[in-house]
Amino acid sequence: MRVRLVALCAAVVLVAAACGNSDDDDDTTSPTNPPDTSVTAASDDDLDTNIPSSEPGVTDTEIQVAVISSKTNPLNGKYAELADGMRAYFEMINSEGGIYGRELVVTSERDDIVGLQNLQTVQSSLAEDNAFATFLASLGFTGADALDEAGMPTFMWNIRPEMAGHENVFGNIGALCFGCTGQFLPWIAQEIGAEQVGILAYGVANESKLCAAGNRDSFEQYPTAEVVFFDDTLEFAQADLSSQVAEMKEKGRRPRHDVHGHQRDDRAGA
């Protein structure tokens, strides 16, 4: 579902980006004369007008985009569904006349296997696909700088810190603070009646470790449940978690202490 939401949100942003994918920077602009950054809304009539364009991936009849996703991954993630969701959304937009008199079309799909080859996959796409924009759902995002240097509008599921600082990269949600505390998870624990929780994270990804620490600190700040197990050393796509589960269960059997440090008799499982 999350991957499909990326396609839905990103396709809407593509409307605004379709007239702005240009690498022609005006180097003569004086600091005292900054460029006009105001936004002019396009009318319905404007969106129906076939405006001439020489941008890559834009023909007289189509706006062509590329898809890079980790179809092959050890997490059984449904990343391949990104292109399916995009095509369904594009079909709806095209049935209403498309954008600027053109249809939105997925013309390239690349498998960024496990996300570990993201830079190479991005470079191949930039060199061969002649796309106007790139849609991305990958476990890695080492190709962020290459897409930025190419001026490529990129729409993605925002789970990677590498997207920060690139004006051409649009996430399905705003900027993330991986290590920040929040009320959401403590609230969920309270709603489902969970009194003890365990936290697991990958040790090979700094953002995963930061996120785990933020989740742990959230329960310290909002003590609706006690964190009885914490492990941020997992290998990527680690298949066997039996030892962690066993330890989690063992610690979950120990008496729980309330927020005042008093021992309680209830012993909820982790």
Protein backbone atom coordinates (compact mmCIF):
# COMPACT_ATOMS: atom_id res chain seq x y z
CA MET A 1 0.00 0.00 0.00
CA ARG A 2 2.81 2.41 0.84
CA VAL A 3 4.43 1.84 -2.53
CA ARG A 4 1.15 2.53 -4.29
CA LEU A 5 0.76 5.76 -2.32
CA VAL A 6 4.14 6.86 -3.67
CA ALA A 7 2.84 6.49 -7.20
CA LEU A 8 -0.37 8.33 -6.43
CA CYS A 9 1.30 11.25 -4.69
CA ALA A 10 4.24 11.49 -7.06
CA ALA A 11 2.10 11.49 -10.19
CA VAL A 12 0.30 14.56 -8.90
CA VAL A 13 3.61 16.34 -8.36
CA LEU A 14 4.62 15.39 -11.90
CA VAL A 15 1.98 17.80 -13.14
CA ALA A 16 3.81 20.72 -11.58
CA ALA A 17 7.25 19.45 -12.58
CA ALA A 18 6.43 18.86 -16.24
CA CYS A 19 7.37 22.42 -17.20
CA GLY A 20 10.40 22.80 -14.95
CA ASN A 21 12.92 20.08 -15.85
CA SER A 22 15.58 22.32 -17.29
CA ASP A 23 19.34 22.30 -16.78
CA ASP A 24 19.80 25.78 -18.25
CA ASP A 25 20.89 27.84 -15.24
CA ASP A 26 21.42 31.58 -15.68
CA ASP A 27 24.95 32.09 -14.36
CA THR A 28 24.77 35.83 -15.01
CA THR A 29 22.09 36.47 -12.41
CA SER A 30 23.28 39.02 -9.90
CA PRO A 31 22.73 38.43 -6.19
CA THR A 32 20.89 41.73 -6.14
CA ASN A 33 18.52 40.38 -8.81
CA PRO A 34 17.47 36.94 -7.53
CA PRO A 35 15.46 34.78 -9.91
CA ASP A 36 11.69 34.89 -9.66
CA THR A 37 10.71 31.95 -7.45
CA SER A 38 7.00 32.71 -7.36
CA VAL A 39 4.67 29.91 -8.37
CA THR A 40 2.03 30.44 -11.03
CA ALA A 41 -0.87 28.02 -10.90
CA ALA A 42 -1.81 26.39 -14.19
CA SER A 43 -5.43 26.64 -15.25
CA ASP A 44 -7.41 23.74 -16.67
CA ASP A 45 -7.05 25.28 -20.11
CA ASP A 46 -3.26 25.43 -19.68
CA LEU A 47 -3.11 21.74 -18.80
CA ASP A 48 -5.05 20.92 -21.97
CA THR A 49 -2.69 22.91 -24.21
CA ASN A 50 0.05 21.03 -26.03
CA ILE A 51 2.98 23.32 -25.26
CA PRO A 52 6.09 22.62 -27.40
CA SER A 53 8.97 21.14 -25.41
CA SER A 54 12.45 19.87 -26.18
CA GLU A 55 12.98 18.24 -22.77
CA PRO A 56 14.24 14.64 -22.66
CA GLY A 57 11.39 12.16 -22.55
CA VAL A 58 8.81 14.62 -23.84
CA THR A 59 7.39 14.06 -27.31
CA ASP A 60 4.44 15.70 -29.02
CA THR A 61 2.17 12.97 -27.64
CA GLU A 62 3.84 11.56 -24.49
CA ILE A 63 5.63 12.36 -21.25
CA GLN A 64 7.83 9.31 -20.67
CA VAL A 65 9.05 8.24 -17.23
CA ALA A 66 11.37 5.56 -15.85
CA VAL A 67 10.79 3.30 -12.86
CA ILE A 68 13.59 1.95 -10.66
CA SER A 69 12.49 -0.45 -7.92
CA SER A 70 13.97 -3.28 -5.88
CA LYS A 71 11.80 -5.96 -7.43
CA THR A 72 14.37 -8.53 -6.29
CA ASN A 73 14.71 -8.21 -2.53
CA PRO A 74 15.05 -10.51 0.50
CA LEU A 75 12.23 -8.81 2.40
CA ASN A 76 9.45 -10.02 0.09
CA GLY A 77 8.63 -6.35 -0.45
CA LYS A 78 6.11 -5.54 -3.15
CA TYR A 79 8.32 -2.93 -4.81
CA ALA A 80 7.40 -4.15 -8.29
CA GLU A 81 3.88 -2.90 -7.64
CA LEU A 82 5.13 0.68 -7.93
CA ALA A 83 4.92 0.51 -11.73
CA ASP A 84 1.51 -1.19 -11.54
CA GLY A 85 0.11 1.59 -9.37
CA MET A 86 1.62 4.26 -11.62
CA ARG A 87 0.13 2.74 -14.76
CA ALA A 88 -3.30 2.58 -13.13
CA TYR A 89 -3.08 6.23 -12.09
CA PHE A 90 -1.67 7.30 -15.45
CA GLU A 91 -4.53 5.51 -17.18
CA MET A 92 -7.00 7.61 -15.20
CA ILE A 93 -5.16 10.86 -15.98
CA ASN A 94 -4.82 9.92 -19.66
CA SER A 95 -8.53 9.12 -19.90
CA GLU A 96 -9.18 12.72 -18.95
CA GLY A 97 -6.87 14.11 -21.62
CA GLY A 98 -3.47 13.67 -20.01
CA ILE A 99 -1.23 16.64 -19.19
CA TYR A 100 -0.44 19.43 -21.65
CA GLY A 101 -2.08 17.41 -24.39
CA ARG A 102 0.20 14.43 -23.74
CA GLU A 103 -0.21 11.01 -22.18
CA LEU A 104 1.86 9.89 -19.19
CA VAL A 105 3.69 6.68 -20.07
CA VAL A 106 6.03 4.31 -18.20
CA THR A 107 8.63 3.46 -20.83
CA SER A 108 11.34 1.84 -18.69
CA GLU A 109 11.43 -0.48 -15.66
CA ARG A 110 14.69 -1.43 -13.96
CA ASP A 111 15.26 -3.88 -11.13
CA ASP A 112 17.57 -2.35 -8.52
CA ILE A 113 18.41 -5.71 -6.98
CA VAL A 114 18.35 -5.48 -3.16
CA GLY A 115 19.08 -1.76 -3.52
CA LEU A 116 22.82 -2.35 -3.36
CA GLN A 117 23.34 -1.40 -7.03
CA ASN A 118 21.34 1.81 -6.92
CA LEU A 119 24.06 4.12 -8.24
CA GLN A 120 24.87 1.83 -11.17
CA THR A 121 21.16 1.33 -11.95
CA VAL A 122 20.53 5.07 -11.85
CA GLN A 123 23.51 5.78 -14.10
CA SER A 124 22.31 3.21 -16.64
CA SER A 125 18.83 4.70 -16.61
CA LEU A 126 20.13 8.24 -17.09
CA ALA A 127 22.30 7.12 -19.99
CA GLU A 128 19.80 4.90 -21.81
CA ASP A 129 16.17 5.53 -20.87
CA ASN A 130 15.66 9.11 -22.14
CA ALA A 131 13.05 9.69 -19.44
CA PHE A 132 11.61 12.99 -18.32
CA ALA A 133 11.32 11.84 -14.68
CA THR A 134 12.27 8.88 -12.53
CA PHE A 135 10.07 7.09 -9.99
CA LEU A 136 12.01 5.13 -7.40
CA ALA A 137 11.24 2.53 -4.71
CA SER A 138 14.56 1.04 -3.71
CA LEU A 139 16.16 -0.25 -0.54
CA GLY A 140 19.17 1.97 -1.30
CA PHE A 141 19.58 5.46 -2.73
CA THR A 142 23.26 5.89 -3.53
CA GLY A 143 22.24 7.38 -6.89
CA ALA A 144 20.85 10.55 -5.28
CA ASP A 145 23.74 12.79 -6.35
CA ALA A 146 23.72 11.44 -9.93
CA LEU A 147 20.01 12.19 -10.30
CA ASP A 148 20.54 15.65 -8.82
CA GLU A 149 23.44 16.45 -11.15
CA ALA A 150 21.31 15.37 -14.13
CA GLY A 151 18.47 17.65 -13.04
CA MET A 152 16.17 14.63 -13.06
CA PRO A 153 12.82 15.06 -11.26
CA THR A 154 12.72 12.07 -8.93
CA PHE A 155 9.70 10.84 -7.00
CA MET A 156 10.20 8.28 -4.25
CA TRP A 157 9.12 6.68 -1.01
CA ASN A 158 10.87 8.77 1.61
CA ILE A 159 12.78 6.27 3.72
CA ARG A 160 16.34 7.30 2.82
CA PRO A 161 18.38 10.17 4.31
CA GLU A 162 20.22 10.65 0.99
CA MET A 163 17.21 12.44 -0.47
CA ALA A 164 17.81 15.43 1.80
CA GLY A 165 19.31 18.52 0.18
CA HIS A 166 18.26 17.67 -3.38
CA GLU A 167 15.69 20.08 -4.80
CA ASN A 168 14.77 17.69 -7.60
CA VAL A 169 13.82 14.83 -5.25
CA PHE A 170 10.21 14.68 -4.08
CA GLY A 171 9.17 12.28 -1.31
CA ASN A 172 5.73 10.91 -0.53
CA ILE A 173 6.06 12.69 2.83
CA GLY A 174 8.18 15.55 4.11
CA ALA A 175 11.62 15.39 5.70
CA LEU A 176 12.19 12.68 8.28
CA CYS A 177 13.96 12.90 11.62
CA PHE A 178 15.18 9.35 12.10
CA GLY A 179 16.26 9.73 15.73
CA CYS A 180 13.50 12.00 17.01
CA THR A 181 11.03 10.98 19.67
CA GLY A 182 7.30 10.96 19.07
CA GLN A 183 3.95 10.04 20.58
CA PHE A 184 2.71 7.72 17.84
CA LEU A 185 4.19 4.37 18.91
CA PRO A 186 3.52 4.90 22.64
CA TRP A 187 -0.04 5.79 21.69
CA ILE A 188 -0.37 2.60 19.61
CA ALA A 189 0.92 0.54 22.54
CA GLN A 190 -1.61 2.19 24.82
CA GLU A 191 -4.46 1.60 22.37
CA ILE A 192 -3.75 -2.13 21.95
CA GLY A 193 -2.98 -2.67 25.63
CA ALA A 194 0.68 -3.62 25.13
CA GLU A 195 2.67 -3.12 28.33
CA GLN A 196 6.02 -4.47 27.16
CA VAL A 197 7.67 -3.95 23.78
CA GLY A 198 10.77 -5.12 21.96
CA ILE A 199 12.70 -3.11 19.38
CA LEU A 200 14.77 -4.58 16.54
CA ALA A 201 16.87 -2.69 14.01
CA TYR A 202 19.49 -3.26 11.34
CA GLY A 203 23.03 -2.61 12.45
CA VAL A 204 24.22 -2.09 8.88
CA ALA A 205 22.07 1.01 8.30
CA ASN A 206 22.69 4.10 10.39
CA GLU A 207 19.17 5.41 9.80
CA SER A 208 17.76 2.13 11.14
CA LYS A 209 19.87 2.41 14.31
CA LEU A 210 18.82 6.05 14.74
CA CYS A 211 15.17 5.15 14.25
CA ALA A 212 15.39 2.38 16.85
CA ALA A 213 17.01 4.72 19.35
CA GLY A 214 14.30 7.31 18.71
CA ASN A 215 11.60 4.68 19.28
CA ARG A 216 13.23 3.59 22.54
CA ASP A 217 13.51 7.19 23.71
CA SER A 218 9.87 7.77 22.78
CA PHE A 219 8.77 5.12 25.28
CA GLU A 220 11.00 6.73 27.91
CA GLN A 221 9.40 10.10 27.24
CA TYR A 222 5.87 8.70 27.00
CA PRO A 223 5.97 5.57 29.23
CA THR A 224 2.85 3.75 28.10
CA ALA A 225 4.87 0.53 27.82
CA GLU A 226 8.25 -0.73 28.97
CA VAL A 227 11.00 -1.51 26.47
CA VAL A 228 12.20 -4.91 27.69
CA PHE A 229 14.31 -5.81 24.65
CA PHE A 230 16.48 -3.72 22.33
CA ASP A 231 18.77 -4.98 19.55
CA ASP A 232 20.13 -2.74 16.80
CA THR A 233 22.75 -5.15 15.45
CA LEU A 234 20.73 -7.23 12.97
CA GLU A 235 22.25 -8.13 9.63
CA PHE A 236 20.38 -6.90 6.58
CA ALA A 237 17.49 -9.28 5.79
CA GLN A 238 18.62 -11.59 8.60
CA ALA A 239 16.57 -14.73 8.18
CA ASP A 240 16.93 -16.30 11.64
CA LEU A 241 15.64 -14.20 14.53
CA SER A 242 14.97 -17.12 16.85
CA SER A 243 17.55 -16.07 19.45
CA GLN A 244 16.20 -12.52 19.57
CA VAL A 245 12.63 -13.79 19.87
CA ALA A 246 13.62 -16.19 22.65
CA GLU A 247 15.36 -13.45 24.60
CA MET A 248 12.43 -11.12 24.00
CA LYS A 249 10.03 -13.69 25.43
CA GLU A 250 12.28 -14.37 28.41
CA LYS A 251 12.56 -10.70 29.30
CA GLY A 252 8.85 -10.31 28.75
CA ARG A 253 8.18 -12.87 31.51
CA ARG A 254 9.97 -10.78 34.12
CA PRO A 255 7.85 -8.63 36.43
CA ARG A 256 7.08 -5.24 34.98
CA HIS A 257 7.72 -2.02 36.87
CA ASP A 258 5.35 0.88 36.64
CA VAL A 259 6.40 4.45 35.94
CA HIS A 260 7.10 4.95 39.67
CA GLY A 261 9.47 1.98 39.85
CA HIS A 262 7.04 -0.26 41.76
CA GLN A 263 6.94 -3.93 40.76
CA ARG A 264 3.69 -5.12 39.19
CA ASP A 265 2.30 -8.63 39.17
CA ASP A 266 1.08 -8.62 35.55
CA ARG A 267 3.53 -10.17 33.11
CA ALA A 268 2.60 -9.37 29.58
CA GLY A 269 4.51 -11.01 26.74
CA ALA A 270 6.94 -8.90 24.73
